[in-house]
Amino acid sequence: MPIEIMKSSKKSSVLKGSIDWKAVGRRIRGLRGFDMTQQDFARQIGVSQGYLSHAERGEKEIGAEVLLRISRKFGKSMEWVLTGEERR
């Protein structure tokens, strides 16, 4: 792929409002920490361990209901879970 096309496709993937699911997964993994297994956390938020594993690797878009459960569990806003930023 020519460099010019790669540059423009990178810009289009970082459009305002787009969600970086890999970053979301990293934030969720960070919230879960090392003292809680995927199995335990998945059970607490009502999903399978496999679903959580895919979500933490950014391979799956996470629905609003699951994001809400995660945000409430850790006292974080859904916006922070999705973007890593808090609105002031």
N, C-alpha and C. Protein backbone atom coordinates (compact mmCIF):
# COMPACT_ATOMS: atom_id res chain seq x y z
N MET A 1 0.85 -1.17 0.00
CA MET A 1 0.00 0.00 0.00
C MET A 1 0.90 1.24 0.00
N PRO A 2 0.66 2.18 -0.89
CA PRO A 2 1.47 3.40 -0.91
C PRO A 2 1.34 4.18 0.39
N ILE A 3 2.40 4.89 0.73
CA ILE A 3 2.43 5.63 1.99
C ILE A 3 1.30 6.64 2.08
N GLU A 4 1.00 7.34 0.99
CA GLU A 4 -0.05 8.35 1.03
C GLU A 4 -1.39 7.74 1.42
N ILE A 5 -1.67 6.56 0.90
CA ILE A 5 -2.95 5.91 1.23
C ILE A 5 -2.96 5.47 2.68
N MET A 6 -1.85 4.94 3.15
CA MET A 6 -1.78 4.51 4.54
C MET A 6 -2.00 5.70 5.47
N LYS A 7 -1.38 6.84 5.16
CA LYS A 7 -1.56 8.02 6.00
C LYS A 7 -3.01 8.45 6.03
N SER A 8 -3.66 8.49 4.87
CA SER A 8 -5.05 8.95 4.84
C SER A 8 -5.97 7.94 5.52
N SER A 9 -5.69 6.64 5.41
CA SER A 9 -6.56 5.68 6.08
C SER A 9 -6.39 5.74 7.58
N LYS A 10 -5.18 6.06 8.06
CA LYS A 10 -4.99 6.24 9.50
C LYS A 10 -5.79 7.43 10.00
N LYS A 11 -5.77 8.52 9.24
CA LYS A 11 -6.53 9.70 9.64
C LYS A 11 -8.01 9.38 9.72
N SER A 12 -8.53 8.64 8.76
CA SER A 12 -9.96 8.34 8.76
C SER A 12 -10.35 7.42 9.90
N SER A 13 -9.42 6.59 10.40
CA SER A 13 -9.75 5.71 11.51
C SER A 13 -9.72 6.43 12.85
N VAL A 14 -9.23 7.65 12.87
CA VAL A 14 -9.16 8.42 14.11
C VAL A 14 -10.14 9.58 14.05
N LEU A 15 -11.25 9.38 13.35
CA LEU A 15 -12.26 10.41 13.24
C LEU A 15 -12.84 10.71 14.61
N LYS A 16 -13.22 11.95 14.80
CA LYS A 16 -13.84 12.33 16.06
C LYS A 16 -15.09 11.47 16.26
N GLY A 17 -15.23 10.92 17.42
CA GLY A 17 -16.38 10.10 17.72
C GLY A 17 -16.17 8.61 17.50
N SER A 18 -15.06 8.22 16.85
CA SER A 18 -14.82 6.80 16.67
C SER A 18 -14.27 6.21 17.97
N ILE A 19 -14.47 4.93 18.15
CA ILE A 19 -14.06 4.27 19.39
C ILE A 19 -12.92 3.32 19.10
N ASP A 20 -11.86 3.43 19.87
CA ASP A 20 -10.71 2.53 19.77
C ASP A 20 -10.97 1.37 20.73
N TRP A 21 -11.50 0.28 20.21
CA TRP A 21 -11.90 -0.85 21.06
C TRP A 21 -10.72 -1.52 21.73
N LYS A 22 -9.54 -1.47 21.13
CA LYS A 22 -8.35 -2.03 21.79
C LYS A 22 -8.02 -1.22 23.04
N ALA A 23 -8.13 0.11 22.95
CA ALA A 23 -7.88 0.96 24.11
C ALA A 23 -8.95 0.75 25.18
N VAL A 24 -10.19 0.57 24.76
CA VAL A 24 -11.27 0.28 25.72
C VAL A 24 -10.94 -1.02 26.45
N GLY A 25 -10.53 -2.02 25.72
CA GLY A 25 -10.16 -3.30 26.32
C GLY A 25 -9.02 -3.18 27.31
N ARG A 26 -8.02 -2.36 26.97
CA ARG A 26 -6.90 -2.14 27.89
C ARG A 26 -7.37 -1.46 29.17
N ARG A 27 -8.28 -0.49 29.04
CA ARG A 27 -8.79 0.17 30.23
C ARG A 27 -9.57 -0.81 31.10
N ILE A 28 -10.38 -1.65 30.48
CA ILE A 28 -11.15 -2.64 31.26
C ILE A 28 -10.19 -3.60 31.95
N ARG A 29 -9.18 -4.05 31.23
CA ARG A 29 -8.19 -4.97 31.83
C ARG A 29 -7.50 -4.31 33.02
N GLY A 30 -7.19 -3.02 32.87
CA GLY A 30 -6.56 -2.29 33.97
C GLY A 30 -7.49 -2.17 35.16
N LEU A 31 -8.77 -1.93 34.93
CA LEU A 31 -9.73 -1.83 36.02
C LEU A 31 -9.86 -3.16 36.75
N ARG A 32 -9.87 -4.24 35.99
CA ARG A 32 -10.02 -5.58 36.58
C ARG A 32 -8.85 -5.91 37.48
N GLY A 33 -7.67 -5.44 37.11
CA GLY A 33 -6.50 -5.67 37.92
C GLY A 33 -6.03 -7.12 37.90
N PHE A 34 -5.09 -7.41 38.77
CA PHE A 34 -4.50 -8.75 38.81
C PHE A 34 -5.09 -9.63 39.89
N ASP A 35 -5.95 -9.05 40.74
CA ASP A 35 -6.52 -9.84 41.83
C ASP A 35 -7.88 -10.43 41.48
N MET A 36 -8.37 -10.19 40.24
CA MET A 36 -9.65 -10.73 39.82
C MET A 36 -9.47 -11.47 38.49
N THR A 37 -9.96 -12.68 38.43
CA THR A 37 -9.85 -13.44 37.18
C THR A 37 -10.89 -12.97 36.18
N GLN A 38 -10.64 -13.26 34.91
CA GLN A 38 -11.63 -12.96 33.89
C GLN A 38 -12.94 -13.67 34.20
N GLN A 39 -12.84 -14.92 34.62
CA GLN A 39 -14.04 -15.70 34.93
C GLN A 39 -14.88 -15.03 36.01
N ASP A 40 -14.24 -14.60 37.10
CA ASP A 40 -14.97 -13.95 38.19
C ASP A 40 -15.59 -12.63 37.74
N PHE A 41 -14.81 -11.82 37.03
CA PHE A 41 -15.31 -10.53 36.57
C PHE A 41 -16.45 -10.71 35.56
N ALA A 42 -16.27 -11.64 34.63
CA ALA A 42 -17.31 -11.90 33.64
C ALA A 42 -18.61 -12.29 34.32
N ARG A 43 -18.52 -13.14 35.32
CA ARG A 43 -19.72 -13.57 36.06
C ARG A 43 -20.39 -12.36 36.72
N GLN A 44 -19.58 -11.45 37.30
CA GLN A 44 -20.12 -10.28 37.99
C GLN A 44 -20.84 -9.32 37.05
N ILE A 45 -20.39 -9.23 35.80
CA ILE A 45 -21.04 -8.30 34.86
C ILE A 45 -21.99 -9.01 33.89
N GLY A 46 -22.17 -10.32 34.07
CA GLY A 46 -23.17 -11.05 33.32
C GLY A 46 -22.81 -11.40 31.89
N VAL A 47 -21.52 -11.67 31.65
CA VAL A 47 -21.08 -12.10 30.32
C VAL A 47 -20.23 -13.36 30.49
N SER A 48 -19.93 -14.01 29.38
CA SER A 48 -19.08 -15.19 29.45
C SER A 48 -17.61 -14.77 29.54
N GLN A 49 -16.78 -15.66 30.02
CA GLN A 49 -15.34 -15.39 30.08
C GLN A 49 -14.79 -15.18 28.69
N GLY A 50 -15.27 -15.93 27.72
CA GLY A 50 -14.82 -15.78 26.34
C GLY A 50 -15.14 -14.40 25.78
N TYR A 51 -16.35 -13.91 26.06
CA TYR A 51 -16.76 -12.57 25.61
C TYR A 51 -15.83 -11.53 26.22
N LEU A 52 -15.59 -11.63 27.53
CA LEU A 52 -14.71 -10.67 28.21
C LEU A 52 -13.31 -10.72 27.64
N SER A 53 -12.82 -11.91 27.36
CA SER A 53 -11.48 -12.06 26.78
C SER A 53 -11.39 -11.33 25.45
N HIS A 54 -12.38 -11.53 24.58
CA HIS A 54 -12.40 -10.84 23.29
C HIS A 54 -12.49 -9.32 23.48
N ALA A 55 -13.30 -8.90 24.44
CA ALA A 55 -13.47 -7.47 24.70
C ALA A 55 -12.17 -6.84 25.20
N GLU A 56 -11.48 -7.52 26.11
CA GLU A 56 -10.22 -6.99 26.64
C GLU A 56 -9.14 -6.91 25.57
N ARG A 57 -9.23 -7.75 24.56
CA ARG A 57 -8.25 -7.69 23.46
C ARG A 57 -8.70 -6.74 22.35
N GLY A 58 -9.87 -6.12 22.52
CA GLY A 58 -10.37 -5.17 21.54
C GLY A 58 -10.92 -5.82 20.29
N GLU A 59 -11.29 -7.07 20.37
CA GLU A 59 -11.78 -7.83 19.22
C GLU A 59 -13.31 -7.79 19.11
N LYS A 60 -13.95 -7.17 20.07
CA LYS A 60 -15.41 -7.17 20.11
C LYS A 60 -15.88 -5.80 20.58
N GLU A 61 -16.88 -5.26 19.90
CA GLU A 61 -17.52 -4.05 20.38
C GLU A 61 -18.36 -4.43 21.59
N ILE A 62 -18.36 -3.58 22.57
CA ILE A 62 -19.07 -3.88 23.81
C ILE A 62 -20.37 -3.08 23.83
N GLY A 63 -21.45 -3.75 24.11
CA GLY A 63 -22.76 -3.09 24.14
C GLY A 63 -22.90 -2.14 25.31
N ALA A 64 -23.86 -1.23 25.18
CA ALA A 64 -24.08 -0.20 26.20
C ALA A 64 -24.40 -0.80 27.57
N GLU A 65 -25.20 -1.85 27.61
CA GLU A 65 -25.58 -2.44 28.89
C GLU A 65 -24.36 -3.00 29.64
N VAL A 66 -23.48 -3.67 28.92
CA VAL A 66 -22.27 -4.22 29.55
C VAL A 66 -21.33 -3.09 29.96
N LEU A 67 -21.18 -2.08 29.11
CA LEU A 67 -20.35 -0.92 29.48
C LEU A 67 -20.88 -0.25 30.74
N LEU A 68 -22.20 -0.14 30.85
CA LEU A 68 -22.80 0.47 32.04
C LEU A 68 -22.49 -0.36 33.28
N ARG A 69 -22.59 -1.68 33.18
CA ARG A 69 -22.27 -2.55 34.33
C ARG A 69 -20.82 -2.37 34.75
N ILE A 70 -19.91 -2.31 33.77
CA ILE A 70 -18.48 -2.14 34.06
C ILE A 70 -18.24 -0.79 34.72
N SER A 71 -18.84 0.27 34.16
CA SER A 71 -18.62 1.60 34.71
C SER A 71 -19.15 1.71 36.13
N ARG A 72 -20.30 1.11 36.39
CA ARG A 72 -20.85 1.16 37.75
C ARG A 72 -20.03 0.34 38.73
N LYS A 73 -19.55 -0.80 38.28
CA LYS A 73 -18.74 -1.67 39.15
C LYS A 73 -17.51 -0.95 39.68
N PHE A 74 -16.87 -0.14 38.82
CA PHE A 74 -15.63 0.52 39.20
C PHE A 74 -15.77 2.00 39.49
N GLY A 75 -16.99 2.52 39.43
CA GLY A 75 -17.20 3.94 39.74
C GLY A 75 -16.58 4.86 38.70
N LYS A 76 -16.54 4.42 37.47
CA LYS A 76 -16.01 5.23 36.37
C LYS A 76 -17.16 5.60 35.44
N SER A 77 -17.03 6.71 34.74
CA SER A 77 -18.07 7.08 33.79
C SER A 77 -17.95 6.20 32.54
N MET A 78 -19.06 6.05 31.83
CA MET A 78 -19.01 5.31 30.57
C MET A 78 -18.10 6.04 29.59
N GLU A 79 -18.10 7.37 29.66
CA GLU A 79 -17.23 8.13 28.77
C GLU A 79 -15.77 7.78 29.02
N TRP A 80 -15.38 7.65 30.29
CA TRP A 80 -13.99 7.29 30.58
C TRP A 80 -13.68 5.89 30.05
N VAL A 81 -14.58 4.96 30.25
CA VAL A 81 -14.35 3.60 29.77
C VAL A 81 -14.16 3.61 28.25
N LEU A 82 -14.96 4.41 27.55
CA LEU A 82 -14.88 4.46 26.09
C LEU A 82 -13.73 5.27 25.56
N THR A 83 -13.37 6.37 26.23
CA THR A 83 -12.37 7.29 25.66
C THR A 83 -11.13 7.50 26.51
N GLY A 84 -11.21 7.17 27.78
CA GLY A 84 -10.10 7.45 28.68
C GLY A 84 -10.08 8.88 29.18
N GLU A 85 -11.12 9.63 28.84
CA GLU A 85 -11.21 11.03 29.24
C GLU A 85 -12.50 11.27 30.03
N GLU A 86 -12.42 12.19 30.95
CA GLU A 86 -13.61 12.62 31.72
C GLU A 86 -14.02 13.99 31.24
N ARG A 87 -15.28 14.21 31.11
CA ARG A 87 -15.78 15.53 30.76
C ARG A 87 -15.77 16.40 32.01
N ARG A 88 -15.35 17.62 31.88
CA ARG A 88 -15.27 18.53 33.05
C ARG A 88 -16.47 19.41 33.15
